[in-house]
PDB file of N, CA and C in Angstrom:
ATOM      1  N   MET A   1      54.101-112.600 162.053  1.00  0.00           N
ATOM      2  CA  MET A   1      53.677-111.097 161.578  1.00  0.00           C
ATOM      3  C   MET A   1      52.226-111.252 162.766  1.00  0.00           C
ATOM      4  N   ALA A   2      52.120-110.362 163.252  1.00  0.00           N
ATOM      5  CA  ALA A   2      50.740-109.825 164.372  1.00  0.00           C
ATOM      6  C   ALA A   2      49.562-109.946 163.456  1.00  0.00           C
ATOM      7  N   LYS A   3      48.447-110.385 164.028  1.00  0.00           N
ATOM      8  CA  LYS A   3      47.208-110.239 162.739  1.00  0.00           C
ATOM      9  C   LYS A   3      46.329-109.096 164.345  1.00  0.00           C
ATOM     10  N   GLN A   4      45.961-108.134 163.788  1.00  0.00           N
ATOM     11  CA  GLN A   4      44.928-107.025 163.885  1.00  0.00           C
ATOM     12  C   GLN A   4      43.222-107.824 164.576  1.00  0.00           C
ATOM     13  N   THR A   5      42.660-107.799 165.438  1.00  0.00           N
ATOM     14  CA  THR A   5      41.228-108.415 165.283  1.00  0.00           C
ATOM     15  C   THR A   5      40.469-107.250 166.570  1.00  0.00           C
ATOM     16  N   GLY A   6      39.047-107.313 166.182  1.00  0.00           N
ATOM     17  CA  GLY A   6      38.342-106.553 166.855  1.00  0.00           C
ATOM     18  C   GLY A   6      37.410-105.844 166.228  1.00  0.00           C
ATOM     19  N   PRO A   7      36.740-104.466 166.411  1.00  0.00           N
ATOM     20  CA  PRO A   7      35.700-104.278 165.547  1.00  0.00           C
ATOM     21  C   PRO A   7      36.438-102.985 164.672  1.00  0.00           C
ATOM     22  N   PHE A   8      37.140-102.544 165.443  1.00  0.00           N
ATOM     23  CA  PHE A   8      38.240-101.287 164.952  1.00  0.00           C
ATOM     24  C   PHE A   8      40.007-101.952 164.199  1.00  0.00           C
ATOM     25  N   TYR A   9      39.777-101.022 162.923  1.00  0.00           N
ATOM     26  CA  TYR A   9      41.037-101.591 162.740  1.00  0.00           C
ATOM     27  C   TYR A   9      42.143-100.467 162.559  1.00  0.00           C
ATOM     28  N   ILE A  10      43.227-100.143 162.843  1.00  0.00           N
ATOM     29  CA  ILE A  10      44.306 -98.990 162.856  1.00  0.00           C
ATOM     30  C   ILE A  10      45.207 -99.176 161.485  1.00  0.00           C
ATOM     31  N   THR A  11      45.356 -97.779 160.690  1.00  0.00           N
ATOM     32  CA  THR A  11      46.675 -97.910 159.789  1.00  0.00           C
ATOM     33  C   THR A  11      47.444 -96.714 160.650  1.00  0.00           C
ATOM     34  N   GLY A  12      48.925 -96.887 160.622  1.00  0.00           N
ATOM     35  CA  GLY A  12      49.623 -95.978 160.667  1.00  0.00           C
ATOM     36  C   GLY A  12      50.835 -96.617 161.750  1.00  0.00           C
ATOM     37  N   THR A  13      51.313 -96.038 162.530  1.00  0.00           N
ATOM     38  CA  THR A  13      52.228 -95.979 163.609  1.00  0.00           C
ATOM     39  C   THR A  13      51.873 -95.628 164.833  1.00  0.00           C
ATOM     40  N   LEU A  14      51.959 -96.331 166.008  1.00  0.00           N
ATOM     41  CA  LEU A  14      51.674 -96.028 167.352  1.00  0.00           C
ATOM     42  C   LEU A  14      52.854 -96.597 168.489  1.00  0.00           C
ATOM     43  N   GLY A  15      53.458 -95.522 168.811  1.00  0.00           N
ATOM     44  CA  GLY A  15      54.403 -96.205 170.267  1.00  0.00           C
ATOM     45  C   GLY A  15      55.414 -97.291 169.284  1.00  0.00           C
ATOM     46  N   GLY A  16      56.140 -97.608 168.172  1.00  0.00           N
ATOM     47  CA  GLY A  16      57.304 -98.372 167.362  1.00  0.00           C
ATOM     48  C   GLY A  16      56.656 -99.474 167.010  1.00  0.00           C
ATOM     49  N   ILE A  17      55.050 -99.361 167.147  1.00  0.00           N
ATOM     50  CA  ILE A  17      54.575-100.744 166.281  1.00  0.00           C
ATOM     51  C   ILE A  17      53.789 -99.996 164.826  1.00  0.00           C
ATOM     52  N   THR A  18      53.737-100.750 163.475  1.00  0.00           N
ATOM     53  CA  THR A  18      53.326-100.457 162.637  1.00  0.00           C
ATOM     54  C   THR A  18      51.852-100.801 161.804  1.00  0.00           C
ATOM     55  N   PHE A  19      51.102-100.479 162.079  1.00  0.00           N
ATOM     56  CA  PHE A  19      49.772-101.265 161.545  1.00  0.00           C
ATOM     57  C   PHE A  19      49.230-100.662 160.341  1.00  0.00           C
ATOM     58  N   TYR A  20      49.114-102.476 159.120  1.00  0.00           N
ATOM     59  CA  TYR A  20      48.835-101.772 158.410  1.00  0.00           C
ATOM     60  C   TYR A  20      47.576-102.701 157.844  1.00  0.00           C
ATOM     61  N   LYS A  21      47.084-102.521 156.373  1.00  0.00           N
ATOM     62  CA  LYS A  21      46.351-103.906 155.920  1.00  0.00           C
ATOM     63  C   LYS A  21      47.080-104.745 154.651  1.00  0.00           C
ATOM     64  N   ARG A  22      47.729-105.531 154.452  1.00  0.00           N
ATOM     65  CA  ARG A  22      48.609-106.658 154.125  1.00  0.00           C
ATOM     66  C   ARG A  22      47.536-107.960 153.134  1.00  0.00           C
ATOM     67  N   LYS A  23      47.230-107.580 151.882  1.00  0.00           N
ATOM     68  CA  LYS A  23      46.582-109.275 151.198  1.00  0.00           C
ATOM     69  C   LYS A  23      45.033-109.447 151.771  1.00  0.00           C
ATOM     70  N   GLY A  24      44.520-108.381 152.102  1.00  0.00           N
ATOM     71  CA  GLY A  24      43.086-108.543 153.055  1.00  0.00           C
ATOM     72  C   GLY A  24      43.089-108.630 153.877  1.00  0.00           C
ATOM     73  N   SER A  25      44.083-108.401 154.673  1.00  0.00           N
ATOM     74  CA  SER A  25      43.903-108.829 156.401  1.00  0.00           C
ATOM     75  C   SER A  25      44.738-107.749 156.753  1.00  0.00           C
ATOM     76  N   TRP A  26      44.899-107.826 158.007  1.00  0.00           N
ATOM     77  CA  TRP A  26      45.263-106.547 159.074  1.00  0.00           C
ATOM     78  C   TRP A  26      46.247-106.802 159.721  1.00  0.00           C
ATOM     79  N   VAL A  27      47.168-106.260 159.842  1.00  0.00           N
ATOM     80  CA  VAL A  27      48.683-106.931 160.397  1.00  0.00           C
ATOM     81  C   VAL A  27      49.417-105.426 161.495  1.00  0.00           C
ATOM     82  N   ALA A  28      49.892-105.977 162.288  1.00  0.00           N
ATOM     83  CA  ALA A  28      50.764-105.176 162.846  1.00  0.00           C
ATOM     84  C   ALA A  28      52.218-105.676 162.803  1.00  0.00           C
ATOM     85  N   ARG A  29      53.300-104.774 162.965  1.00  0.00           N
ATOM     86  CA  ARG A  29      54.420-104.980 162.932  1.00  0.00           C
ATOM     87  C   ARG A  29      55.645-104.301 163.889  1.00  0.00           C
ATOM     88  N   LYS A  30      56.503-104.412 164.010  1.00  0.00           N
ATOM     89  CA  LYS A  30      57.901-103.850 165.077  1.00  0.00           C
ATOM     90  C   LYS A  30      58.067-102.667 163.743  1.00  0.00           C
ATOM     91  N   LYS A  31      57.980-101.406 164.349  1.00  0.00           N
ATOM     92  CA  LYS A  31      58.233-100.569 163.306  1.00  0.00           C
ATOM     93  C   LYS A  31      60.179-100.291 162.571  1.00  0.00           C
ATOM     94  N   THR A  32      60.277-100.454 161.171  1.00  0.00           N
ATOM     95  CA  THR A  32      61.754-100.206 160.884  1.00  0.00           C
ATOM     96  C   THR A  32      62.677 -99.327 161.425  1.00  0.00           C
ATOM     97  N   SER A  33      63.732 -99.925 161.142  1.00  0.00           N
ATOM     98  CA  SER A  33      64.658 -98.422 161.250  1.00  0.00           C
ATOM     99  C   SER A  33      64.873 -97.839 160.541  1.00  0.00           C
ATOM    100  N   LEU A  34      64.685 -98.113 159.491  1.00  0.00           N
ATOM    101  CA  LEU A  34      65.508 -97.782 158.101  1.00  0.00           C
ATOM    102  C   LEU A  34      64.482 -96.446 157.890  1.00  0.00           C
ATOM    103  N   ASN A  35      65.147 -95.276 157.273  1.00  0.00           N
ATOM    104  CA  ASN A  35      64.315 -94.219 156.920  1.00  0.00           C
ATOM    105  C   ASN A  35      65.207 -93.494 155.615  1.00  0.00           C
ATOM    106  N   LYS A  36      64.463 -92.469 154.654  1.00  0.00           N
ATOM    107  CA  LYS A  36      65.032 -92.082 153.790  1.00  0.00           C
ATOM    108  C   LYS A  36      66.325 -91.479 154.129  1.00  0.00           C
ATOM    109  N   LYS A  37      66.606 -90.430 155.049  1.00  0.00           N
ATOM    110  CA  LYS A  37      68.123 -90.186 155.372  1.00  0.00           C
ATOM    111  C   LYS A  37      69.028 -91.429 154.882  1.00  0.00           C
ATOM    112  N   ARG A  38      68.794 -92.187 155.966  1.00  0.00           N
ATOM    113  CA  ARG A  38      70.073 -93.158 155.887  1.00  0.00           C
ATOM    114  C   ARG A  38      70.047 -94.294 154.920  1.00  0.00           C
ATOM    115  N   VAL A  39      68.982 -94.446 153.951  1.00  0.00           N
ATOM    116  CA  VAL A  39      69.222 -95.086 152.576  1.00  0.00           C
ATOM    117  C   VAL A  39      70.390 -94.215 151.791  1.00  0.00           C
ATOM    118  N   LYS A  40      70.263 -93.207 151.783  1.00  0.00           N
ATOM    119  CA  LYS A  40      70.745 -91.868 151.066  1.00  0.00           C
ATOM    120  C   LYS A  40      72.405 -92.018 151.304  1.00  0.00           C
ATOM    121  N   THR A  41      72.482 -91.835 152.983  1.00  0.00           N
ATOM    122  CA  THR A  41      73.661 -91.758 153.158  1.00  0.00           C
ATOM    123  C   THR A  41      74.974 -92.645 153.606  1.00  0.00           C
ATOM    124  N   ASP A  42      74.056 -93.675 154.525  1.00  0.00           N
ATOM    125  CA  ASP A  42      74.416 -94.753 155.101  1.00  0.00           C
ATOM    126  C   ASP A  42      75.566 -95.547 154.269  1.00  0.00           C
ATOM    127  N   PRO A  43      76.952 -95.827 154.364  1.00  0.00           N
ATOM    128  CA  PRO A  43      77.817 -96.675 153.246  1.00  0.00           C
ATOM    129  C   PRO A  43      77.724 -97.770 153.414  1.00  0.00           C
ATOM    130  N   ALA A  44      76.185 -98.760 154.093  1.00  0.00           N
ATOM    131  CA  ALA A  44      75.718 -99.834 153.738  1.00  0.00           C
ATOM    132  C   ALA A  44      75.175 -99.846 152.825  1.00  0.00           C
ATOM    133  N   PHE A  45      74.437 -98.736 152.159  1.00  0.00           N
ATOM    134  CA  PHE A  45      73.626 -99.448 150.707  1.00  0.00           C
ATOM    135  C   PHE A  45      74.319 -98.536 149.870  1.00  0.00           C
ATOM    136  N   GLU A  46      75.460 -98.271 149.652  1.00  0.00           N
ATOM    137  CA  GLU A  46      76.061 -97.363 148.658  1.00  0.00           C
ATOM    138  C   GLU A  46      75.881 -98.578 147.846  1.00  0.00           C
ATOM    139  N   GLY A  47      75.653-100.119 147.674  1.00  0.00           N
ATOM    140  CA  GLY A  47      75.279-100.972 146.642  1.00  0.00           C
ATOM    141  C   GLY A  47      74.406-100.867 146.014  1.00  0.00           C
ATOM    142  N   SER A  48      72.892-100.226 146.852  1.00  0.00           N
ATOM    143  CA  SER A  48      71.685-100.117 146.645  1.00  0.00           C
ATOM    144  C   SER A  48      71.395 -98.928 145.663  1.00  0.00           C
ATOM    145  N   ARG A  49      72.465 -97.933 146.110  1.00  0.00           N
ATOM    146  CA  ARG A  49      72.085 -96.271 145.586  1.00  0.00           C
ATOM    147  C   ARG A  49      72.537 -96.800 144.274  1.00  0.00           C
ATOM    148  N   ARG A  50      73.817 -97.422 143.860  1.00  0.00           N
ATOM    149  CA  ARG A  50      74.377 -97.575 142.617  1.00  0.00           C
ATOM    150  C   ARG A  50      73.563 -98.219 141.673  1.00  0.00           C
ATOM    151  N   ALA A  51      73.082 -99.529 142.337  1.00  0.00           N
ATOM    152  CA  ALA A  51      71.978-100.047 141.309  1.00  0.00           C
ATOM    153  C   ALA A  51      70.633 -99.292 140.661  1.00  0.00           C
ATOM    154  N   SER A  52      70.201 -99.122 141.972  1.00  0.00           N
ATOM    155  CA  SER A  52      69.488 -98.081 141.560  1.00  0.00           C
ATOM    156  C   SER A  52      69.796 -96.813 140.227  1.00  0.00           C
ATOM    157  N   ALA A  53      71.011 -96.554 140.865  1.00  0.00           N
ATOM    158  CA  ALA A  53      71.283 -95.019 139.589  1.00  0.00           C
ATOM    159  C   ALA A  53      71.459 -95.752 138.217  1.00  0.00           C
ATOM    160  N   CYS A  54      71.974 -96.852 138.087  1.00  0.00           N
ATOM    161  CA  CYS A  54      72.095 -97.799 136.460  1.00  0.00           C
ATOM    162  C   CYS A  54      70.757 -98.266 136.326  1.00  0.00           C
ATOM    163  N   PHE A  55      70.080 -98.709 137.131  1.00  0.00           N
ATOM    164  CA  PHE A  55      68.421 -98.832 137.007  1.00  0.00           C
ATOM    165  C   PHE A  55      67.735 -97.457 136.383  1.00  0.00           C
ATOM    166  N   GLY A  56      67.843 -96.715 137.023  1.00  0.00           N
ATOM    167  CA  GLY A  56      67.366 -95.398 136.425  1.00  0.00           C
ATOM    168  C   GLY A  56      67.626 -95.333 134.854  1.00  0.00           C
ATOM    169  N   ALA A  57      68.989 -94.952 134.237  1.00  0.00           N
ATOM    170  CA  ALA A  57      69.534 -94.396 133.484  1.00  0.00           C
ATOM    171  C   ALA A  57      69.128 -96.137 132.200  1.00  0.00           C
ATOM    172  N   ALA A  58      68.889 -97.314 132.550  1.00  0.00           N
ATOM    173  CA  ALA A  58      68.351 -98.085 131.962  1.00  0.00           C
ATOM    174  C   ALA A  58      67.170 -97.584 131.782  1.00  0.00           C
ATOM    175  N   ALA A  59      66.757 -96.925 132.640  1.00  0.00           N
ATOM    176  CA  ALA A  59      64.873 -96.982 132.138  1.00  0.00           C
ATOM    177  C   ALA A  59      64.509 -95.779 131.182  1.00  0.00           C
ATOM    178  N   LYS A  60      65.429 -94.765 131.489  1.00  0.00           N
ATOM    179  CA  LYS A  60      65.539 -93.510 130.795  1.00  0.00           C
ATOM    180  C   LYS A  60      65.741 -94.113 129.027  1.00  0.00           C
ATOM    181  N   LEU A  61      66.755 -94.760 128.827  1.00  0.00           N
ATOM    182  CA  LEU A  61      67.352 -95.323 127.765  1.00  0.00           C
ATOM    183  C   LEU A  61      66.125 -96.585 126.746  1.00  0.00           C
ATOM    184  N   ALA A  62      65.863 -97.042 127.766  1.00  0.00           N
ATOM    185  CA  ALA A  62      64.807 -97.833 126.874  1.00  0.00           C
ATOM    186  C   ALA A  62      63.288 -97.443 126.924  1.00  0.00           C
ATOM    187  N   LYS A  63      62.969 -96.078 127.543  1.00  0.00           N
ATOM    188  CA  LYS A  63      62.291 -95.244 127.233  1.00  0.00           C
ATOM    189  C   LYS A  63      62.437 -94.957 125.404  1.00  0.00           C
ATOM    190  N   LYS A  64      63.118 -94.730 125.448  1.00  0.00           N
ATOM    191  CA  LYS A  64      63.867 -93.744 124.248  1.00  0.00           C
ATOM    192  C   LYS A  64      63.676 -94.439 123.022  1.00  0.00           C
ATOM    193  N   ILE A  65      64.741 -95.981 123.501  1.00  0.00           N
ATOM    194  CA  ILE A  65      64.028 -96.919 122.430  1.00  0.00           C
ATOM    195  C   ILE A  65      62.760 -97.699 121.921  1.00  0.00           C
ATOM    196  N   TYR A  66      61.862 -97.553 122.955  1.00  0.00           N
ATOM    197  CA  TYR A  66      60.704 -97.938 123.089  1.00  0.00           C
ATOM    198  C   TYR A  66      59.755 -97.471 121.642  1.00  0.00           C
ATOM    199  N   TRP A  67      59.972 -95.980 122.265  1.00  0.00           N
ATOM    200  CA  TRP A  67      59.062 -95.512 121.285  1.00  0.00           C
ATOM    201  C   TRP A  67      59.755 -94.686 119.927  1.00  0.00           C
ATOM    202  N   GLN A  68      60.621 -95.489 119.693  1.00  0.00           N
ATOM    203  CA  GLN A  68      61.413 -95.788 118.200  1.00  0.00           C
ATOM    204  C   GLN A  68      60.759 -97.070 117.335  1.00  0.00           C
ATOM    205  N   LEU A  69      60.600 -98.142 117.939  1.00  0.00           N
ATOM    206  CA  LEU A  69      60.315 -99.014 117.657  1.00  0.00           C
ATOM    207  C   LEU A  69      59.121 -99.235 116.965  1.00  0.00           C
ATOM    208  N   PRO A  70      58.413 -99.456 115.930  1.00  0.00           N
ATOM    209  CA  PRO A  70      57.289 -99.683 115.220  1.00  0.00           C
ATOM    210  C   PRO A  70      55.883 -99.812 115.859  1.00  0.00           C
ATOM    211  N   ALA A  71      54.445 -99.408 115.706  1.00  0.00           N
ATOM    212  CA  ALA A  71      53.590 -99.244 117.010  1.00  0.00           C
ATOM    213  C   ALA A  71      53.274-100.808 116.701  1.00  0.00           C
ATOM    214  N   ASN A  72      53.789-101.393 115.752  1.00  0.00           N
ATOM    215  CA  ASN A  72      52.785-103.183 115.909  1.00  0.00           C
ATOM    216  C   ASN A  72      53.921-103.816 116.582  1.00  0.00           C
ATOM    217  N   LYS A  73      54.639-103.345 117.195  1.00  0.00           N
ATOM    218  CA  LYS A  73      56.185-103.897 118.164  1.00  0.00           C
ATOM    219  C   LYS A  73      55.732-103.625 119.422  1.00  0.00           C
ATOM    220  N   ARG A  74      55.073-102.669 119.911  1.00  0.00           N
ATOM    221  CA  ARG A  74      54.838-102.012 120.917  1.00  0.00           C
ATOM    222  C   ARG A  74      53.923-102.675 121.520  1.00  0.00           C
ATOM    223  N   GLY A  75      54.165-102.889 123.068  1.00  0.00           N
ATOM    224  CA  GLY A  75      52.668-103.271 123.967  1.00  0.00           C
ATOM    225  C   GLY A  75      53.058-103.788 124.887  1.00  0.00           C
ATOM    226  N   ARG A  76      52.372-104.843 125.918  1.00  0.00           N
ATOM    227  CA  ARG A  76      51.950-104.828 127.160  1.00  0.00           C
ATOM    228  C   ARG A  76      53.358-105.817 127.528  1.00  0.00           C
ATOM    229  N   GLY A  77      54.177-105.191 128.277  1.00  0.00           N
ATOM    230  CA  GLY A  77      55.391-106.090 128.411  1.00  0.00           C
ATOM    231  C   GLY A  77      56.307-105.981 127.916  1.00  0.00           C
ATOM    232  N   VAL A  78      56.866-104.858 126.647  1.00  0.00           N
ATOM    233  CA  VAL A  78      57.444-104.824 125.852  1.00  0.00           C
ATOM    234  C   VAL A  78      58.809-103.631 126.685  1.00  0.00           C
ATOM    235  N   ILE A  79      58.100-102.760 127.317  1.00  0.00           N
ATOM    236  CA  ILE A  79      59.203-101.664 128.138  1.00  0.00           C
ATOM    237  C   ILE A  79      59.945-102.401 129.322  1.00  0.00           C
ATOM    238  N   GLY A  80      59.093-103.448 129.689  1.00  0.00           N
ATOM    239  CA  GLY A  80      59.892-104.267 130.805  1.00  0.00           C
ATOM    240  C   GLY A  80      61.091-105.046 130.383  1.00  0.00           C
ATOM    241  N   LYS A  81      60.759-105.378 129.181  1.00  0.00           N
ATOM    242  CA  LYS A  81      62.124-106.823 128.389  1.00  0.00           C
ATOM    243  C   LYS A  81      63.316-105.332 127.950  1.00  0.00           C
ATOM    244  N   ILE A  82      62.864-104.749 127.573  1.00  0.00           N
ATOM    245  CA  ILE A  82      63.882-103.807 127.079  1.00  0.00           C
ATOM    246  C   ILE A  82      64.736-103.254 128.022  1.00  0.00           C
ATOM    247  N   THR A  83      63.688-102.881 129.055  1.00  0.00           N
ATOM    248  CA  THR A  83      64.945-101.847 130.504  1.00  0.00           C
ATOM    249  C   THR A  83      65.299-103.329 130.936  1.00  0.00           C
ATOM    250  N   GLY A  84      65.142-104.365 130.993  1.00  0.00           N
ATOM    251  CA  GLY A  84      65.884-105.165 131.531  1.00  0.00           C
ATOM    252  C   GLY A  84      67.004-105.881 130.831  1.00  0.00           C
ATOM    253  N   LEU A  85      66.916-106.184 129.693  1.00  0.00           N
ATOM    254  CA  LEU A  85      68.044-105.958 128.525  1.00  0.00           C
ATOM    255  C   LEU A  85      68.997-104.814 128.597  1.00  0.00           C
ATOM    256  N   VAL A  86      68.194-103.469 128.706  1.00  0.00           N
ATOM    257  CA  VAL A  86      69.712-102.314 128.626  1.00  0.00           C
ATOM    258  C   VAL A  86      69.871-102.396 130.132  1.00  0.00           C
ATOM    259  N   ASN A  87      69.786-103.103 131.063  1.00  0.00           N
ATOM    260  CA  ASN A  87      70.015-102.895 132.546  1.00  0.00           C
ATOM    261  C   ASN A  87      71.439-103.581 132.690  1.00  0.00           C
ATOM    262  N   THR A  88      71.210-105.001 131.940  1.00  0.00           N
ATOM    263  CA  THR A  88      72.360-106.202 131.527  1.00  0.00           C
ATOM    264  C   THR A  88      73.607-105.608 130.683  1.00  0.00           C
ATOM    265  N   MET A  89      73.041-104.677 129.905  1.00  0.00           N
ATOM    266  CA  MET A  89      74.151-104.184 128.708  1.00  0.00           C
ATOM    267  C   MET A  89      74.908-103.616 129.437  1.00  0.00           C
ATOM    268  N   LEU A  90      74.379-102.389 130.341  1.00  0.00           N
ATOM    269  CA  LEU A  90      74.777-101.414 130.624  1.00  0.00           C
ATOM    270  C   LEU A  90      75.871-101.400 131.716  1.00  0.00           C
ATOM    271  N   ARG A  91      75.350-102.808 132.427  1.00  0.00           N
ATOM    272  CA  ARG A  91      76.308-103.089 133.948  1.00  0.00           C
ATOM    273  C   ARG A  91      78.018-103.707 133.229  1.00  0.00           C
ATOM    274  N   GLU A  92      77.293-104.326 131.780  1.00  0.00           N
ATOM    275  CA  GLU A  92      78.164-105.434 131.059  1.00  0.00           C
ATOM    276  C   GLU A  92      79.592-104.412 130.644  1.00  0.00           C
ATOM    277  N   GLY A  93      78.844-102.968 130.544  1.00  0.00           N
ATOM    278  CA  GLY A  93      79.844-101.850 130.219  1.00  0.00           C
ATOM    279  C   GLY A  93      79.940-101.108 128.933  1.00  0.00           C
ATOM    280  N   ILE A  94      78.945-101.689 128.293  1.00  0.00           N
ATOM    281  CA  ILE A  94      78.441-101.424 126.435  1.00  0.00           C
ATOM    282  C   ILE A  94      77.634-100.325 126.529  1.00  0.00           C
ATOM    283  N   ALA A  95      78.122 -99.152 125.738  1.00  0.00           N
ATOM    284  CA  ALA A  95      77.852 -98.072 125.905  1.00  0.00           C
ATOM    285  C   ALA A  95      76.522 -97.856 124.943  1.00  0.00           C
ATOM    286  N   PRO A  96      75.992 -96.684 125.638  1.00  0.00           N
ATOM    287  CA  PRO A  96      74.382 -96.631 125.419  1.00  0.00           C
ATOM    288  C   PRO A  96      74.236 -96.357 123.836  1.00  0.00           C
ATOM    289  N   GLU A  97      75.022 -96.043 123.003  1.00  0.00           N
ATOM    290  CA  GLU A  97      74.327 -95.859 121.410  1.00  0.00           C
ATOM    291  C   GLU A  97      74.775 -97.185 121.003  1.00  0.00           C
ATOM    292  N   THR A  98      75.701 -98.039 121.099  1.00  0.00           N
ATOM    293  CA  THR A  98      75.882 -99.688 121.016  1.00  0.00           C
ATOM    294  C   THR A  98      73.976-100.290 121.310  1.00  0.00           C
ATOM    295  N   ILE A  99      74.183-100.186 122.785  1.00  0.00           N
ATOM    296  CA  ILE A  99      72.983-100.649 123.286  1.00  0.00           C
ATOM    297  C   ILE A  99      71.645-100.566 122.387  1.00  0.00           C
ATOM    298  N   GLU A 100      71.321 -99.345 122.275  1.00  0.00           N
ATOM    299  CA  GLU A 100      70.044 -98.551 121.420  1.00  0.00           C
ATOM    300  C   GLU A 100      70.502 -99.322 119.638  1.00  0.00           C
ATOM    301  N   ALA A 101      71.206 -99.357 119.376  1.00  0.00           N
ATOM    302  CA  ALA A 101      71.334-100.030 117.857  1.00  0.00           C
ATOM    303  C   ALA A 101      70.843-101.423 117.789  1.00  0.00           C
ATOM    304  N   THR A 102      71.687-102.401 119.165  1.00  0.00           N
ATOM    305  CA  THR A 102      71.330-103.330 119.007  1.00  0.00           C
ATOM    306  C   THR A 102      70.116-103.910 119.054  1.00  0.00           C
ATOM    307  N   ILE A 103      69.262-103.393 119.874  1.00  0.00           N
ATOM    308  CA  ILE A 103      67.787-103.751 120.541  1.00  0.00           C
ATOM    309  C   ILE A 103      66.880-102.879 119.203  1.00  0.00           C
ATOM    310  N   LEU A 104      67.078-101.878 118.934  1.00  0.00           N
ATOM    311  CA  LEU A 104      66.138-101.792 117.741  1.00  0.00           C
ATOM    312  C   LEU A 104      66.395-102.458 116.631  1.00  0.00           C
ATOM    313  N   LYS A 105      67.633-102.909 116.568  1.00  0.00           N
ATOM    314  CA  LYS A 105      68.196-103.858 115.362  1.00  0.00           C
ATOM    315  C   LYS A 105      66.991-105.387 115.450  1.00  0.00           C
ATOM    316  N   SER A 106      67.078-105.713 116.859  1.00  0.00           N
ATOM    317  CA  SER A 106      66.442-107.048 116.938  1.00  0.00           C
ATOM    318  C   SER A 106      64.689-106.673 116.944  1.00  0.00           C
ATOM    319  N   TYR A 107      64.324-105.745 117.496  1.00  0.00           N
ATOM    320  CA  TYR A 107      62.874-105.815 117.307  1.00  0.00           C
ATOM    321  C   TYR A 107      62.488-105.351 116.158  1.00  0.00           C
ATOM    322  N   THR A 108      63.160-104.681 115.216  1.00  0.00           N
ATOM    323  CA  THR A 108      62.516-104.805 113.391  1.00  0.00           C
ATOM    324  C   THR A 108      62.919-105.677 112.726  1.00  0.00           C
TER     325      THR A 108
END
């Protein structure tokens, strides 16, 4: 990755090179060939779209479960753990009702 030097720094894309700030230093790289339309339609990204849809469903169910927990069980990091559990269980083919009951039982 190339670094930007000089008195002025650029953010954006010029002539196929993208300039931006990363971890406190200014860098440049070749412009990516990916775009929103390609990710949404290209068969090569079918697995990513499926995983994304499953994770979205898991996040919605996790939110529902989280707000049913007692106030003393909610807190920093809990929603992420619940989302991970729900995502794993959905991928195993477990019904959402069963997931909800199982997680609520384990947290109360």
